[in-house]
Amino acid sequence: MLTLMAISIGCLYAAATYMILRRSIVKLVIGLVLLSNAANLLIFTVAGMTRKAPPIIPDGMMLPDGPVADPLAQALILTAIVIGFGVLAFAVVLIHRAYEVVQADDMDQMKDTDT
């Protein structure tokens, strides 16, 4: 399972790099989304993909009995998803405004905006 996840994360990083290097600004945003998803999967995979109990300590005990899941990776991924959504929303609004002004999607044509 880890080998499959490593291959899929590598493919996501490769696709994100390819999309970021394109001239279209829409493809740039799609590449950023792929990059954030690949980073989230990487954090999730490194934290371990085994099914364990939730980290709840019963009353009267100092430590949980048995193996528990690590909540830190889940909290990091949830935070990264929220931040990634905010960045995506900002980028979409910025692209929409830039397209209204320049009437082009190509980044080379956006260089000449001093009219």
PDB file of N, CA and C in Angstrom:
ATOM      1  N   MET A   1       0.826  -1.200   0.000  1.00  0.00           N
ATOM      2  CA  MET A   1       0.000   0.000   0.000  1.00  0.00           C
ATOM      3  C   MET A   1       0.865   1.257   0.000  1.00  0.00           C
ATOM      4  N   LEU A   2       1.972   1.212   0.755  1.00  0.00           N
ATOM      5  CA  LEU A   2       2.843   2.381   0.797  1.00  0.00           C
ATOM      6  C   LEU A   2       3.502   2.644  -0.555  1.00  0.00           C
ATOM      7  N   THR A   3       3.819   1.579  -1.281  1.00  0.00           N
ATOM      8  CA  THR A   3       4.427   1.758  -2.602  1.00  0.00           C
ATOM      9  C   THR A   3       3.439   2.418  -3.556  1.00  0.00           C
ATOM     10  N   LEU A   4       2.192   1.992  -3.510  1.00  0.00           N
ATOM     11  CA  LEU A   4       1.165   2.600  -4.352  1.00  0.00           C
ATOM     12  C   LEU A   4       0.966   4.077  -4.008  1.00  0.00           C
ATOM     13  N   MET A   5       0.954   4.383  -2.713  1.00  0.00           N
ATOM     14  CA  MET A   5       0.805   5.781  -2.293  1.00  0.00           C
ATOM     15  C   MET A   5       2.014   6.617  -2.721  1.00  0.00           C
ATOM     16  N   ALA A   6       3.217   6.051  -2.621  1.00  0.00           N
ATOM     17  CA  ALA A   6       4.418   6.784  -3.034  1.00  0.00           C
ATOM     18  C   ALA A   6       4.380   7.074  -4.532  1.00  0.00           C
ATOM     19  N   ILE A   7       3.947   6.113  -5.319  1.00  0.00           N
ATOM     20  CA  ILE A   7       3.859   6.314  -6.772  1.00  0.00           C
ATOM     21  C   ILE A   7       2.796   7.354  -7.102  1.00  0.00           C
ATOM     22  N   SER A   8       1.643   7.280  -6.448  1.00  0.00           N
ATOM     23  CA  SER A   8       0.586   8.249  -6.740  1.00  0.00           C
ATOM     24  C   SER A   8       0.964   9.657  -6.273  1.00  0.00           C
ATOM     25  N   ILE A   9       1.664   9.775  -5.145  1.00  0.00           N
ATOM     26  CA  ILE A   9       2.116  11.092  -4.685  1.00  0.00           C
ATOM     27  C   ILE A   9       3.152  11.656  -5.650  1.00  0.00           C
ATOM     28  N   GLY A  10       4.063  10.801  -6.123  1.00  0.00           N
ATOM     29  CA  GLY A  10       5.043  11.250  -7.119  1.00  0.00           C
ATOM     30  C   GLY A  10       4.388  11.702  -8.409  1.00  0.00           C
ATOM     31  N   CYS A  11       3.355  10.979  -8.844  1.00  0.00           N
ATOM     32  CA  CYS A  11       2.628  11.389 -10.055  1.00  0.00           C
ATOM     33  C   CYS A  11       1.909  12.717  -9.854  1.00  0.00           C
ATOM     34  N   LEU A  12       1.342  12.905  -8.659  1.00  0.00           N
ATOM     35  CA  LEU A  12       0.681  14.181  -8.384  1.00  0.00           C
ATOM     36  C   LEU A  12       1.674  15.337  -8.370  1.00  0.00           C
ATOM     37  N   TYR A  13       2.845  15.124  -7.772  1.00  0.00           N
ATOM     38  CA  TYR A  13       3.870  16.168  -7.775  1.00  0.00           C
ATOM     39  C   TYR A  13       4.349  16.464  -9.199  1.00  0.00           C
ATOM     40  N   ALA A  14       4.514  15.416 -10.003  1.00  0.00           N
ATOM     41  CA  ALA A  14       4.959  15.618 -11.390  1.00  0.00           C
ATOM     42  C   ALA A  14       3.907  16.365 -12.197  1.00  0.00           C
ATOM     43  N   ALA A  15       2.640  15.985 -12.036  1.00  0.00           N
ATOM     44  CA  ALA A  15       1.569  16.678 -12.754  1.00  0.00           C
ATOM     45  C   ALA A  15       1.446  18.127 -12.289  1.00  0.00           C
ATOM     46  N   ALA A  16       1.615  18.359 -10.997  1.00  0.00           N
ATOM     47  CA  ALA A  16       1.537  19.729 -10.476  1.00  0.00           C
ATOM     48  C   ALA A  16       2.676  20.579 -11.024  1.00  0.00           C
ATOM     49  N   THR A  17       3.873  20.026 -11.075  1.00  0.00           N
ATOM     50  CA  THR A  17       5.012  20.771 -11.626  1.00  0.00           C
ATOM     51  C   THR A  17       4.788  21.091 -13.097  1.00  0.00           C
ATOM     52  N   TYR A  18       4.276  20.117 -13.844  1.00  0.00           N
ATOM     53  CA  TYR A  18       3.994  20.333 -15.267  1.00  0.00           C
ATOM     54  C   TYR A  18       2.945  21.424 -15.457  1.00  0.00           C
ATOM     55  N   MET A  19       1.891  21.380 -14.657  1.00  0.00           N
ATOM     56  CA  MET A  19       0.818  22.371 -14.809  1.00  0.00           C
ATOM     57  C   MET A  19       1.278  23.769 -14.381  1.00  0.00           C
ATOM     58  N   ILE A  20       2.124  23.857 -13.368  1.00  0.00           N
ATOM     59  CA  ILE A  20       2.603  25.163 -12.912  1.00  0.00           C
ATOM     60  C   ILE A  20       3.497  25.811 -13.969  1.00  0.00           C
ATOM     61  N   LEU A  21       4.220  25.014 -14.743  1.00  0.00           N
ATOM     62  CA  LEU A  21       5.130  25.549 -15.755  1.00  0.00           C
ATOM     63  C   LEU A  21       4.445  25.899 -17.073  1.00  0.00           C
ATOM     64  N   ARG A  22       3.141  25.717 -17.195  1.00  0.00           N
ATOM     65  CA  ARG A  22       2.404  26.079 -18.404  1.00  0.00           C
ATOM     66  C   ARG A  22       2.199  27.586 -18.461  1.00  0.00           C
ATOM     67  N   ARG A  23       1.850  28.098 -19.632  1.00  0.00           N
ATOM     68  CA  ARG A  23       1.648  29.541 -19.802  1.00  0.00           C
ATOM     69  C   ARG A  23       0.288  30.020 -19.302  1.00  0.00           C
ATOM     70  N   SER A  24      -0.693  29.157 -19.283  1.00  0.00           N
ATOM     71  CA  SER A  24      -2.042  29.545 -18.897  1.00  0.00           C
ATOM     72  C   SER A  24      -2.122  29.742 -17.390  1.00  0.00           C
ATOM     73  N   ILE A  25      -2.796  30.783 -16.997  1.00  0.00           N
ATOM     74  CA  ILE A  25      -2.907  31.067 -15.570  1.00  0.00           C
ATOM     75  C   ILE A  25      -3.915  30.143 -14.898  1.00  0.00           C
ATOM     76  N   VAL A  26      -4.890  29.632 -15.647  1.00  0.00           N
ATOM     77  CA  VAL A  26      -5.834  28.663 -15.093  1.00  0.00           C
ATOM     78  C   VAL A  26      -5.112  27.353 -14.794  1.00  0.00           C
ATOM     79  N   LYS A  27      -4.223  26.947 -15.689  1.00  0.00           N
ATOM     80  CA  LYS A  27      -3.441  25.732 -15.450  1.00  0.00           C
ATOM     81  C   LYS A  27      -2.496  25.908 -14.267  1.00  0.00           C
ATOM     82  N   LEU A  28      -2.059  27.117 -14.020  1.00  0.00           N
ATOM     83  CA  LEU A  28      -1.241  27.401 -12.852  1.00  0.00           C
ATOM     84  C   LEU A  28      -2.012  27.123 -11.571  1.00  0.00           C
ATOM     85  N   VAL A  29      -3.253  27.551 -11.521  1.00  0.00           N
ATOM     86  CA  VAL A  29      -4.072  27.331 -10.324  1.00  0.00           C
ATOM     87  C   VAL A  29      -4.383  25.841 -10.154  1.00  0.00           C
ATOM     88  N   ILE A  30      -4.647  25.143 -11.255  1.00  0.00           N
ATOM     89  CA  ILE A  30      -4.882  23.705 -11.172  1.00  0.00           C
ATOM     90  C   ILE A  30      -3.629  23.000 -10.648  1.00  0.00           C
ATOM     91  N   GLY A  31      -2.460  23.462 -11.077  1.00  0.00           N
ATOM     92  CA  GLY A  31      -1.208  22.906 -10.575  1.00  0.00           C
ATOM     93  C   GLY A  31      -1.023  23.161  -9.094  1.00  0.00           C
ATOM     94  N   LEU A  32      -1.427  24.330  -8.622  1.00  0.00           N
ATOM     95  CA  LEU A  32      -1.334  24.618  -7.183  1.00  0.00           C
ATOM     96  C   LEU A  32      -2.257  23.721  -6.371  1.00  0.00           C
ATOM     97  N   VAL A  33      -3.444  23.436  -6.896  1.00  0.00           N
ATOM     98  CA  VAL A  33      -4.370  22.530  -6.208  1.00  0.00           C
ATOM     99  C   VAL A  33      -3.780  21.127  -6.148  1.00  0.00           C
ATOM    100  N   LEU A  34      -3.218  20.658  -7.263  1.00  0.00           N
ATOM    101  CA  LEU A  34      -2.593  19.337  -7.276  1.00  0.00           C
ATOM    102  C   LEU A  34      -1.410  19.271  -6.315  1.00  0.00           C
ATOM    103  N   LEU A  35      -0.654  20.353  -6.245  1.00  0.00           N
ATOM    104  CA  LEU A  35       0.498  20.401  -5.339  1.00  0.00           C
ATOM    105  C   LEU A  35       0.063  20.321  -3.880  1.00  0.00           C
ATOM    106  N   SER A  36      -0.997  21.020  -3.528  1.00  0.00           N
ATOM    107  CA  SER A  36      -1.463  20.970  -2.138  1.00  0.00           C
ATOM    108  C   SER A  36      -2.042  19.596  -1.803  1.00  0.00           C
ATOM    109  N   ASN A  37      -2.733  18.973  -2.755  1.00  0.00           N
ATOM    110  CA  ASN A  37      -3.255  17.626  -2.507  1.00  0.00           C
ATOM    111  C   ASN A  37      -2.124  16.614  -2.356  1.00  0.00           C
ATOM    112  N   ALA A  38      -1.084  16.756  -3.153  1.00  0.00           N
ATOM    113  CA  ALA A  38       0.060  15.848  -3.038  1.00  0.00           C
ATOM    114  C   ALA A  38       0.750  16.025  -1.685  1.00  0.00           C
ATOM    115  N   ALA A  39       0.875  17.261  -1.236  1.00  0.00           N
ATOM    116  CA  ALA A  39       1.494  17.493   0.075  1.00  0.00           C
ATOM    117  C   ALA A  39       0.642  16.911   1.206  1.00  0.00           C
ATOM    118  N   ASN A  40      -0.678  17.028   1.093  1.00  0.00           N
ATOM    119  CA  ASN A  40      -1.564  16.447   2.109  1.00  0.00           C
ATOM    120  C   ASN A  40      -1.438  14.922   2.138  1.00  0.00           C
ATOM    121  N   LEU A  41      -1.406  14.300   0.972  1.00  0.00           N
ATOM    122  CA  LEU A  41      -1.245  12.849   0.919  1.00  0.00           C
ATOM    123  C   LEU A  41       0.114  12.422   1.460  1.00  0.00           C
ATOM    124  N   LEU A  42       1.141  13.233   1.213  1.00  0.00           N
ATOM    125  CA  LEU A  42       2.465  12.911   1.721  1.00  0.00           C
ATOM    126  C   LEU A  42       2.480  12.933   3.249  1.00  0.00           C
ATOM    127  N   ILE A  43       1.890  13.940   3.846  1.00  0.00           N
ATOM    128  CA  ILE A  43       1.813  14.015   5.306  1.00  0.00           C
ATOM    129  C   ILE A  43       1.024  12.835   5.855  1.00  0.00           C
ATOM    130  N   PHE A  44      -0.078  12.507   5.199  1.00  0.00           N
ATOM    131  CA  PHE A  44      -0.921  11.396   5.649  1.00  0.00           C
ATOM    132  C   PHE A  44      -0.181  10.068   5.556  1.00  0.00           C
ATOM    133  N   THR A  45       0.593   9.876   4.498  1.00  0.00           N
ATOM    134  CA  THR A  45       1.318   8.626   4.311  1.00  0.00           C
ATOM    135  C   THR A  45       2.475   8.500   5.289  1.00  0.00           C
ATOM    136  N   VAL A  46       3.192   9.590   5.514  1.00  0.00           N
ATOM    137  CA  VAL A  46       4.332   9.546   6.437  1.00  0.00           C
ATOM    138  C   VAL A  46       3.868   9.276   7.871  1.00  0.00           C
ATOM    139  N   ALA A  47       2.684   9.761   8.230  1.00  0.00           N
ATOM    140  CA  ALA A  47       2.173   9.563   9.591  1.00  0.00           C
ATOM    141  C   ALA A  47       1.775   8.111   9.852  1.00  0.00           C
ATOM    142  N   GLY A  48       1.610   7.344   8.806  1.00  0.00           N
ATOM    143  CA  GLY A  48       1.235   5.934   8.982  1.00  0.00           C
ATOM    144  C   GLY A  48      -0.194   5.696   8.557  1.00  0.00           C
ATOM    145  N   MET A  49      -0.392   4.597   7.845  1.00  0.00           N
ATOM    146  CA  MET A  49      -1.718   4.315   7.306  1.00  0.00           C
ATOM    147  C   MET A  49      -2.320   3.056   7.929  1.00  0.00           C
ATOM    148  N   THR A  50      -2.131   2.858   9.215  1.00  0.00           N
ATOM    149  CA  THR A  50      -2.713   1.704   9.883  1.00  0.00           C
ATOM    150  C   THR A  50      -3.960   2.135  10.633  1.00  0.00           C
ATOM    151  N   ARG A  51      -4.918   1.231  10.723  1.00  0.00           N
ATOM    152  CA  ARG A  51      -6.150   1.535  11.456  1.00  0.00           C
ATOM    153  C   ARG A  51      -5.907   1.290  12.940  1.00  0.00           C
ATOM    154  N   LYS A  52      -6.079   2.342  13.703  1.00  0.00           N
ATOM    155  CA  LYS A  52      -5.885   2.238  15.149  1.00  0.00           C
ATOM    156  C   LYS A  52      -7.048   2.911  15.847  1.00  0.00           C
ATOM    157  N   ALA A  53      -7.107   2.780  17.160  1.00  0.00           N
ATOM    158  CA  ALA A  53      -8.180   3.360  17.956  1.00  0.00           C
ATOM    159  C   ALA A  53      -7.992   4.874  18.071  1.00  0.00           C
ATOM    160  N   PRO A  54      -9.065   5.608  18.318  1.00  0.00           N
ATOM    161  CA  PRO A  54      -8.916   7.042  18.556  1.00  0.00           C
ATOM    162  C   PRO A  54      -8.147   7.302  19.846  1.00  0.00           C
ATOM    163  N   PRO A  55      -7.419   8.417  19.926  1.00  0.00           N
ATOM    164  CA  PRO A  55      -6.582   8.681  21.109  1.00  0.00           C
ATOM    165  C   PRO A  55      -7.396   9.199  22.297  1.00  0.00           C
ATOM    166  N   ILE A  56      -8.227   8.340  22.856  1.00  0.00           N
ATOM    167  CA  ILE A  56      -9.061   8.703  24.009  1.00  0.00           C
ATOM    168  C   ILE A  56      -8.570   7.905  25.217  1.00  0.00           C
ATOM    169  N   ILE A  57      -8.321   8.608  26.317  1.00  0.00           N
ATOM    170  CA  ILE A  57      -7.845   7.954  27.546  1.00  0.00           C
ATOM    171  C   ILE A  57      -9.044   7.720  28.460  1.00  0.00           C
ATOM    172  N   PRO A  58      -9.285   6.466  28.841  1.00  0.00           N
ATOM    173  CA  PRO A  58     -10.421   6.191  29.738  1.00  0.00           C
ATOM    174  C   PRO A  58     -10.211   6.808  31.127  1.00  0.00           C
ATOM    175  N   ASP A  59     -11.307   6.943  31.862  1.00  0.00           N
ATOM    176  CA  ASP A  59     -11.239   7.497  33.222  1.00  0.00           C
ATOM    177  C   ASP A  59     -10.395   6.605  34.121  1.00  0.00           C
ATOM    178  N   GLY A  60      -9.557   7.223  34.934  1.00  0.00           N
ATOM    179  CA  GLY A  60      -8.756   6.508  35.896  1.00  0.00           C
ATOM    180  C   GLY A  60      -7.447   5.961  35.342  1.00  0.00           C
ATOM    181  N   MET A  61      -7.143   6.202  34.082  1.00  0.00           N
ATOM    182  CA  MET A  61      -5.899   5.712  33.490  1.00  0.00           C
ATOM    183  C   MET A  61      -5.018   6.904  33.112  1.00  0.00           C
ATOM    184  N   MET A  62      -3.730   6.678  33.089  1.00  0.00           N
ATOM    185  CA  MET A  62      -2.786   7.726  32.695  1.00  0.00           C
ATOM    186  C   MET A  62      -2.447   7.650  31.211  1.00  0.00           C
ATOM    187  N   LEU A  63      -2.492   6.446  30.656  1.00  0.00           N
ATOM    188  CA  LEU A  63      -2.165   6.221  29.253  1.00  0.00           C
ATOM    189  C   LEU A  63      -3.276   5.420  28.593  1.00  0.00           C
ATOM    190  N   PRO A  64      -3.465   5.587  27.302  1.00  0.00           N
ATOM    191  CA  PRO A  64      -4.471   4.762  26.620  1.00  0.00           C
ATOM    192  C   PRO A  64      -4.001   3.307  26.543  1.00  0.00           C
ATOM    193  N   ASP A  65      -4.944   2.410  26.557  1.00  0.00           N
ATOM    194  CA  ASP A  65      -4.585   0.993  26.467  1.00  0.00           C
ATOM    195  C   ASP A  65      -4.616   0.554  25.005  1.00  0.00           C
ATOM    196  N   GLY A  66      -3.481   0.127  24.500  1.00  0.00           N
ATOM    197  CA  GLY A  66      -3.378  -0.319  23.119  1.00  0.00           C
ATOM    198  C   GLY A  66      -2.887   0.776  22.189  1.00  0.00           C
ATOM    199  N   PRO A  67      -2.696   0.434  20.933  1.00  0.00           N
ATOM    200  CA  PRO A  67      -2.211   1.429  19.968  1.00  0.00           C
ATOM    201  C   PRO A  67      -3.296   2.447  19.610  1.00  0.00           C
ATOM    202  N   VAL A  68      -2.880   3.688  19.449  1.00  0.00           N
ATOM    203  CA  VAL A  68      -3.811   4.760  19.099  1.00  0.00           C
ATOM    204  C   VAL A  68      -3.320   5.485  17.852  1.00  0.00           C
ATOM    205  N   ALA A  69      -4.232   6.148  17.175  1.00  0.00           N
ATOM    206  CA  ALA A  69      -3.897   6.913  15.982  1.00  0.00           C
ATOM    207  C   ALA A  69      -3.258   8.240  16.381  1.00  0.00           C
ATOM    208  N   ASP A  70      -2.386   8.749  15.526  1.00  0.00           N
ATOM    209  CA  ASP A  70      -1.715  10.019  15.788  1.00  0.00           C
ATOM    210  C   ASP A  70      -2.611  11.159  15.301  1.00  0.00           C
ATOM    211  N   PRO A  71      -3.146  11.993  16.185  1.00  0.00           N
ATOM    212  CA  PRO A  71      -4.049  13.053  15.747  1.00  0.00           C
ATOM    213  C   PRO A  71      -3.321  14.263  15.153  1.00  0.00           C
ATOM    214  N   LEU A  72      -2.002  14.348  15.328  1.00  0.00           N
ATOM    215  CA  LEU A  72      -1.270  15.508  14.831  1.00  0.00           C
ATOM    216  C   LEU A  72      -1.300  15.589  13.312  1.00  0.00           C
ATOM    217  N   ALA A  73      -1.086  14.474  12.644  1.00  0.00           N
ATOM    218  CA  ALA A  73      -1.106  14.478  11.179  1.00  0.00           C
ATOM    219  C   ALA A  73      -2.488  14.844  10.646  1.00  0.00           C
ATOM    220  N   GLN A  74      -3.519  14.356  11.302  1.00  0.00           N
ATOM    221  CA  GLN A  74      -4.882  14.678  10.872  1.00  0.00           C
ATOM    222  C   GLN A  74      -5.182  16.161  11.052  1.00  0.00           C
ATOM    223  N   ALA A  75      -4.707  16.741  12.142  1.00  0.00           N
ATOM    224  CA  ALA A  75      -4.911  18.168  12.373  1.00  0.00           C
ATOM    225  C   ALA A  75      -4.134  19.006  11.362  1.00  0.00           C
ATOM    226  N   LEU A  76      -2.908  18.590  11.048  1.00  0.00           N
ATOM    227  CA  LEU A  76      -2.113  19.313  10.044  1.00  0.00           C
ATOM    228  C   LEU A  76      -2.775  19.280   8.673  1.00  0.00           C
ATOM    229  N   ILE A  77      -3.293  18.114   8.286  1.00  0.00           N
ATOM    230  CA  ILE A  77      -3.938  17.990   6.982  1.00  0.00           C
ATOM    231  C   ILE A  77      -5.217  18.810   6.934  1.00  0.00           C
ATOM    232  N   LEU A  78      -5.991  18.791   8.002  1.00  0.00           N
ATOM    233  CA  LEU A  78      -7.226  19.588   8.027  1.00  0.00           C
ATOM    234  C   LEU A  78      -6.909  21.077   7.916  1.00  0.00           C
ATOM    235  N   THR A  79      -5.888  21.521   8.618  1.00  0.00           N
ATOM    236  CA  THR A  79      -5.472  22.920   8.517  1.00  0.00           C
ATOM    237  C   THR A  79      -4.981  23.246   7.108  1.00  0.00           C
ATOM    238  N   ALA A  80      -4.222  22.348   6.513  1.00  0.00           N
ATOM    239  CA  ALA A  80      -3.717  22.580   5.154  1.00  0.00           C
ATOM    240  C   ALA A  80      -4.845  22.622   4.131  1.00  0.00           C
ATOM    241  N   ILE A  81      -5.879  21.815   4.329  1.00  0.00           N
ATOM    242  CA  ILE A  81      -7.026  21.842   3.409  1.00  0.00           C
ATOM    243  C   ILE A  81      -7.738  23.186   3.491  1.00  0.00           C
ATOM    244  N   VAL A  82      -7.944  23.683   4.694  1.00  0.00           N
ATOM    245  CA  VAL A  82      -8.630  24.967   4.864  1.00  0.00           C
ATOM    246  C   VAL A  82      -7.800  26.107   4.270  1.00  0.00           C
ATOM    247  N   ILE A  83      -6.512  26.123   4.537  1.00  0.00           N
ATOM    248  CA  ILE A  83      -5.646  27.167   3.986  1.00  0.00           C
ATOM    249  C   ILE A  83      -5.578  27.057   2.469  1.00  0.00           C
ATOM    250  N   GLY A  84      -5.480  25.838   1.954  1.00  0.00           N
ATOM    251  CA  GLY A  84      -5.456  25.640   0.504  1.00  0.00           C
ATOM    252  C   GLY A  84      -6.734  26.122  -0.167  1.00  0.00           C
ATOM    253  N   PHE A  85      -7.877  25.902   0.477  1.00  0.00           N
ATOM    254  CA  PHE A  85      -9.138  26.391  -0.087  1.00  0.00           C
ATOM    255  C   PHE A  85      -9.172  27.915  -0.101  1.00  0.00           C
ATOM    256  N   GLY A  86      -8.664  28.546   0.944  1.00  0.00           N
ATOM    257  CA  GLY A  86      -8.613  30.007   0.969  1.00  0.00           C
ATOM    258  C   GLY A  86      -7.704  30.569  -0.117  1.00  0.00           C
ATOM    259  N   VAL A  87      -6.554  29.947  -0.309  1.00  0.00           N
ATOM    260  CA  VAL A  87      -5.634  30.384  -1.360  1.00  0.00           C
ATOM    261  C   VAL A  87      -6.255  30.173  -2.734  1.00  0.00           C
ATOM    262  N   LEU A  88      -6.951  29.055  -2.912  1.00  0.00           N
ATOM    263  CA  LEU A  88      -7.613  28.788  -4.192  1.00  0.00           C
ATOM    264  C   LEU A  88      -8.700  29.814  -4.482  1.00  0.00           C
ATOM    265  N   ALA A  89      -9.510  30.155  -3.485  1.00  0.00           N
ATOM    266  CA  ALA A  89     -10.566  31.152  -3.676  1.00  0.00           C
ATOM    267  C   ALA A  89      -9.965  32.514  -4.033  1.00  0.00           C
ATOM    268  N   PHE A  90      -8.896  32.890  -3.355  1.00  0.00           N
ATOM    269  CA  PHE A  90      -8.234  34.156  -3.667  1.00  0.00           C
ATOM    270  C   PHE A  90      -7.662  34.139  -5.083  1.00  0.00           C
ATOM    271  N   ALA A  91      -7.034  33.036  -5.477  1.00  0.00           N
ATOM    272  CA  ALA A  91      -6.438  32.942  -6.812  1.00  0.00           C
ATOM    273  C   ALA A  91      -7.501  32.996  -7.896  1.00  0.00           C
ATOM    274  N   VAL A  92      -8.648  32.360  -7.674  1.00  0.00           N
ATOM    275  CA  VAL A  92      -9.719  32.383  -8.678  1.00  0.00           C
ATOM    276  C   VAL A  92     -10.249  33.798  -8.860  1.00  0.00           C
ATOM    277  N   VAL A  93     -10.443  34.520  -7.758  1.00  0.00           N
ATOM    278  CA  VAL A  93     -10.920  35.913  -7.857  1.00  0.00           C
ATOM    279  C   VAL A  93      -9.870  36.782  -8.547  1.00  0.00           C
ATOM    280  N   LEU A  94      -8.612  36.579  -8.212  1.00  0.00           N
ATOM    281  CA  LEU A  94      -7.531  37.345  -8.834  1.00  0.00           C
ATOM    282  C   LEU A  94      -7.431  37.064 -10.333  1.00  0.00           C
ATOM    283  N   ILE A  95      -7.573  35.812 -10.720  1.00  0.00           N
ATOM    284  CA  ILE A  95      -7.533  35.450 -12.137  1.00  0.00           C
ATOM    285  C   ILE A  95      -8.719  36.049 -12.880  1.00  0.00           C
ATOM    286  N   HIS A  96      -9.886  36.004 -12.260  1.00  0.00           N
ATOM    287  CA  HIS A  96     -11.073  36.583 -12.899  1.00  0.00           C
ATOM    288  C   HIS A  96     -10.889  38.075 -13.150  1.00  0.00           C
ATOM    289  N   ARG A  97     -10.356  38.772 -12.171  1.00  0.00           N
ATOM    290  CA  ARG A  97     -10.134  40.218 -12.336  1.00  0.00           C
ATOM    291  C   ARG A  97      -9.053  40.498 -13.380  1.00  0.00           C
ATOM    292  N   ALA A  98      -8.000  39.708 -13.381  1.00  0.00           N
ATOM    293  CA  ALA A  98      -6.942  39.897 -14.375  1.00  0.00           C
ATOM    294  C   ALA A  98      -7.459  39.617 -15.780  1.00  0.00           C
ATOM    295  N   TYR A  99      -8.326  38.621 -15.920  1.00  0.00           N
ATOM    296  CA  TYR A  99      -8.876  38.325 -17.241  1.00  0.00           C
ATOM    297  C   TYR A  99      -9.815  39.432 -17.714  1.00  0.00           C
ATOM    298  N   GLU A 100     -10.551  40.049 -16.783  1.00  0.00           N
ATOM    299  CA  GLU A 100     -11.413  41.172 -17.157  1.00  0.00           C
ATOM    300  C   GLU A 100     -10.597  42.353 -17.666  1.00  0.00           C
ATOM    301  N   VAL A 101      -9.460  42.603 -17.061  1.00  0.00           N
ATOM    302  CA  VAL A 101      -8.641  43.749 -17.441  1.00  0.00           C
ATOM    303  C   VAL A 101      -7.865  43.484 -18.724  1.00  0.00           C
ATOM    304  N   VAL A 102      -7.215  42.332 -18.824  1.00  0.00           N
ATOM    305  CA  VAL A 102      -6.294  42.061 -19.919  1.00  0.00           C
ATOM    306  C   VAL A 102      -6.980  41.357 -21.092  1.00  0.00           C
ATOM    307  N   GLN A 103      -8.068  40.642 -20.838  1.00  0.00           N
ATOM    308  CA  GLN A 103      -8.775  39.848 -21.848  1.00  0.00           C
ATOM    309  C   GLN A 103      -7.891  38.750 -22.428  1.00  0.00           C
ATOM    310  N   ALA A 104      -7.027  38.171 -21.614  1.00  0.00           N
ATOM    311  CA  ALA A 104      -6.154  37.085 -22.066  1.00  0.00           C
ATOM    312  C   ALA A 104      -5.861  36.160 -20.892  1.00  0.00           C
ATOM    313  N   ASP A 105      -5.595  34.908 -21.230  1.00  0.00           N
ATOM    314  CA  ASP A 105      -5.256  33.906 -20.231  1.00  0.00           C
ATOM    315  C   ASP A 105      -3.760  33.612 -20.216  1.00  0.00           C
ATOM    316  N   ASP A 106      -3.061  34.027 -21.253  1.00  0.00           N
ATOM    317  CA  ASP A 106      -1.638  33.750 -21.393  1.00  0.00           C
ATOM    318  C   ASP A 106      -0.833  34.721 -20.534  1.00  0.00           C
ATOM    319  N   MET A 107       0.156  34.190 -19.825  1.00  0.00           N
ATOM    320  CA  MET A 107       0.957  35.043 -18.942  1.00  0.00           C
ATOM    321  C   MET A 107       1.842  36.008 -19.717  1.00  0.00           C
ATOM    322  N   ASP A 108       2.269  35.627 -20.916  1.00  0.00           N
ATOM    323  CA  ASP A 108       3.082  36.548 -21.719  1.00  0.00           C
ATOM    324  C   ASP A 108       2.285  37.774 -22.144  1.00  0.00           C
ATOM    325  N   GLN A 109       0.999  37.601 -22.409  1.00  0.00           N
ATOM    326  CA  GLN A 109       0.173  38.741 -22.788  1.00  0.00           C
ATOM    327  C   GLN A 109      -0.176  39.611 -21.586  1.00  0.00           C
ATOM    328  N   MET A 110      -0.061  39.072 -20.394  1.00  0.00           N
ATOM    329  CA  MET A 110      -0.349  39.855 -19.190  1.00  0.00           C
ATOM    330  C   MET A 110       0.805  40.772 -18.801  1.00  0.00           C
ATOM    331  N   LYS A 111       1.958  40.614 -19.434  1.00  0.00           N
ATOM    332  CA  LYS A 111       3.098  41.492 -19.137  1.00  0.00           C
ATOM    333  C   LYS A 111       2.852  42.904 -19.629  1.00  0.00           C
ATOM    334  N   ASP A 112       2.098  43.051 -20.703  1.00  0.00           N
ATOM    335  CA  ASP A 112       1.857  44.351 -21.320  1.00  0.00           C
ATOM    336  C   ASP A 112       0.563  44.955 -20.813  1.00  0.00           C
ATOM    337  N   THR A 113       0.472  45.220 -19.541  1.00  0.00           N
ATOM    338  CA  THR A 113      -0.743  45.808 -18.976  1.00  0.00           C
ATOM    339  C   THR A 113      -0.630  47.296 -18.740  1.00  0.00           C
ATOM    340  N   ASP A 114       0.452  47.934 -19.199  1.00  0.00           N
ATOM    341  CA  ASP A 114       0.637  49.368 -18.997  1.00  0.00           C
ATOM    342  C   ASP A 114       0.001  50.137 -20.152  1.00  0.00           C
ATOM    343  N   THR A 115      -1.314  50.105 -20.254  1.00  0.00           N
ATOM    344  CA  THR A 115      -2.001  50.825 -21.327  1.00  0.00           C
ATOM    345  C   THR A 115      -2.800  51.967 -20.805  1.00  0.00           C
TER     346      THR A 115
END
